[in-house]
PDB file of N, CA and C in Angstrom:
ATOM      1  N   MET A   1     108.722  65.193  87.509  1.00  0.00           N
ATOM      2  CA  MET A   1     108.266  65.875  86.293  1.00  0.00           C
ATOM      3  C   MET A   1     107.439  67.114  86.648  1.00  0.00           C
ATOM      4  N   MET A   2     106.867  67.095  87.877  1.00  0.00           N
ATOM      5  CA  MET A   2     106.073  68.250  88.300  1.00  0.00           C
ATOM      6  C   MET A   2     106.871  69.144  89.243  1.00  0.00           C
ATOM      7  N   GLN A   3     108.194  69.002  89.193  1.00  0.00           N
ATOM      8  CA  GLN A   3     109.019  69.742  90.148  1.00  0.00           C
ATOM      9  C   GLN A   3     109.014  71.241  89.875  1.00  0.00           C
ATOM     10  N   TRP A   4     108.700  71.650  88.627  1.00  0.00           N
ATOM     11  CA  TRP A   4     108.731  73.092  88.326  1.00  0.00           C
ATOM     12  C   TRP A   4     107.671  73.856  89.106  1.00  0.00           C
ATOM     13  N   ILE A   5     106.624  73.135  89.560  1.00  0.00           N
ATOM     14  CA  ILE A   5     105.593  73.815  90.352  1.00  0.00           C
ATOM     15  C   ILE A   5     106.196  74.322  91.663  1.00  0.00           C
ATOM     16  N   TYR A   6     107.065  73.510  92.268  1.00  0.00           N
ATOM     17  CA  TYR A   6     107.702  73.934  93.515  1.00  0.00           C
ATOM     18  C   TYR A   6     108.587  75.148  93.265  1.00  0.00           C
ATOM     19  N   TRP A   7     109.270  75.178  92.108  1.00  0.00           N
ATOM     20  CA  TRP A   7     110.130  76.323  91.799  1.00  0.00           C
ATOM     21  C   TRP A   7     109.301  77.580  91.602  1.00  0.00           C
ATOM     22  N   ILE A   8     108.105  77.431  90.980  1.00  0.00           N
ATOM     23  CA  ILE A   8     107.240  78.603  90.772  1.00  0.00           C
ATOM     24  C   ILE A   8     106.737  79.128  92.119  1.00  0.00           C
ATOM     25  N   GLU A   9     106.319  78.215  92.990  1.00  0.00           N
ATOM     26  CA  GLU A   9     105.857  78.646  94.311  1.00  0.00           C
ATOM     27  C   GLU A   9     106.992  79.304  95.087  1.00  0.00           C
ATOM     28  N   PHE A  10     108.191  78.713  95.009  1.00  0.00           N
ATOM     29  CA  PHE A  10     109.340  79.282  95.706  1.00  0.00           C
ATOM     30  C   PHE A  10     109.656  80.672  95.168  1.00  0.00           C
ATOM     31  N   ALA A  11     109.604  80.840  93.844  1.00  0.00           N
ATOM     32  CA  ALA A  11     109.890  82.143  93.230  1.00  0.00           C
ATOM     33  C   ALA A  11     108.841  83.171  93.653  1.00  0.00           C
ATOM     34  N   MET A  12     107.578  82.771  93.734  1.00  0.00           N
ATOM     35  CA  MET A  12     106.520  83.703  94.143  1.00  0.00           C
ATOM     36  C   MET A  12     106.712  84.136  95.591  1.00  0.00           C
ATOM     37  N   ILE A  13     107.078  83.192  96.461  1.00  0.00           N
ATOM     38  CA  ILE A  13     107.300  83.533  97.871  1.00  0.00           C
ATOM     39  C   ILE A  13     108.486  84.484  97.997  1.00  0.00           C
ATOM     40  N   VAL A  14     109.573  84.184  97.286  1.00  0.00           N
ATOM     41  CA  VAL A  14     110.758  85.045  97.345  1.00  0.00           C
ATOM     42  C   VAL A  14     110.412  86.433  96.811  1.00  0.00           C
ATOM     43  N   ALA A  15     109.607  86.496  95.750  1.00  0.00           N
ATOM     44  CA  ALA A  15     109.233  87.792  95.176  1.00  0.00           C
ATOM     45  C   ALA A  15     108.418  88.604  96.185  1.00  0.00           C
ATOM     46  N   MET A  16     107.473  87.973  96.867  1.00  0.00           N
ATOM     47  CA  MET A  16     106.661  88.699  97.850  1.00  0.00           C
ATOM     48  C   MET A  16     107.525  89.189  99.003  1.00  0.00           C
ATOM     49  N   VAL A  17     108.422  88.342  99.489  1.00  0.00           N
ATOM     50  CA  VAL A  17     109.307  88.750 100.583  1.00  0.00           C
ATOM     51  C   VAL A  17     110.198  89.904 100.131  1.00  0.00           C
ATOM     52  N   ALA A  18     110.701  89.832  98.892  1.00  0.00           N
ATOM     53  CA  ALA A  18     111.571  90.893  98.381  1.00  0.00           C
ATOM     54  C   ALA A  18     110.801  92.203  98.260  1.00  0.00           C
ATOM     55  N   VAL A  19     109.553  92.137  97.819  1.00  0.00           N
ATOM     56  CA  VAL A  19     108.746  93.361  97.688  1.00  0.00           C
ATOM     57  C   VAL A  19     108.479  93.972  99.059  1.00  0.00           C
ATOM     58  N   VAL A  20     108.092  93.145 100.029  1.00  0.00           N
ATOM     59  CA  VAL A  20     107.822  93.655 101.379  1.00  0.00           C
ATOM     60  C   VAL A  20     109.090  94.247 101.984  1.00  0.00           C
ATOM     61  N   PHE A  21     110.210  93.534 101.848  1.00  0.00           N
ATOM     62  CA  PHE A  21     111.472  94.029 102.389  1.00  0.00           C
ATOM     63  C   PHE A  21     111.887  95.319 101.692  1.00  0.00           C
ATOM     64  N   GLY A  22     111.682  95.393 100.387  1.00  0.00           N
ATOM     65  CA  GLY A  22     112.040  96.600  99.633  1.00  0.00           C
ATOM     66  C   GLY A  22     111.200  97.792 100.069  1.00  0.00           C
ATOM     67  N   LEU A  23     109.906  97.574 100.269  1.00  0.00           N
ATOM     68  CA  LEU A  23     109.040  98.682 100.692  1.00  0.00           C
ATOM     69  C   LEU A  23     109.442  99.176 102.078  1.00  0.00           C
ATOM     70  N   THR A  24     109.681  98.260 103.010  1.00  0.00           N
ATOM     71  CA  THR A  24     110.069  98.673 104.359  1.00  0.00           C
ATOM     72  C   THR A  24     111.429  99.361 104.334  1.00  0.00           C
ATOM     73  N   TRP A  25     112.336  98.907 103.449  1.00  0.00           N
ATOM     74  CA  TRP A  25     113.665  99.510 103.357  1.00  0.00           C
ATOM     75  C   TRP A  25     113.557 100.933 102.815  1.00  0.00           C
ATOM     76  N   MET A  26     112.687 101.123 101.818  1.00  0.00           N
ATOM     77  CA  MET A  26     112.499 102.464 101.258  1.00  0.00           C
ATOM     78  C   MET A  26     111.898 103.389 102.311  1.00  0.00           C
ATOM     79  N   GLU A  27     110.942 102.879 103.091  1.00  0.00           N
ATOM     80  CA  GLU A  27     110.342 103.700 104.142  1.00  0.00           C
ATOM     81  C   GLU A  27     111.386 104.063 105.194  1.00  0.00           C
ATOM     82  N   THR A  28     112.294 103.140 105.491  1.00  0.00           N
ATOM     83  CA  THR A  28     113.333 103.428 106.484  1.00  0.00           C
ATOM     84  C   THR A  28     114.295 104.483 105.957  1.00  0.00           C
ATOM     85  N   LEU A  29     114.654 104.394 104.684  1.00  0.00           N
ATOM     86  CA  LEU A  29     115.571 105.381 104.115  1.00  0.00           C
ATOM     87  C   LEU A  29     114.903 106.738 104.001  1.00  0.00           C
ATOM     88  N   ARG A  30     113.604 106.761 103.802  1.00  0.00           N
ATOM     89  CA  ARG A  30     112.900 108.025 103.610  1.00  0.00           C
ATOM     90  C   ARG A  30     112.919 108.870 104.875  1.00  0.00           C
ATOM     91  N   LYS A  31     112.999 108.214 106.054  1.00  0.00           N
ATOM     92  CA  LYS A  31     112.955 108.978 107.304  1.00  0.00           C
ATOM     93  C   LYS A  31     114.236 109.731 107.521  1.00  0.00           C
TER      94      LYS A  31
END
């Protein structure tokens, strides 16, 4: 019944990884 907490944590981790990867990708393309 408390399984949605794991999904929220998983979504937050994926979001942070996506943001970091996106920023590094933009910096790579900018060069």
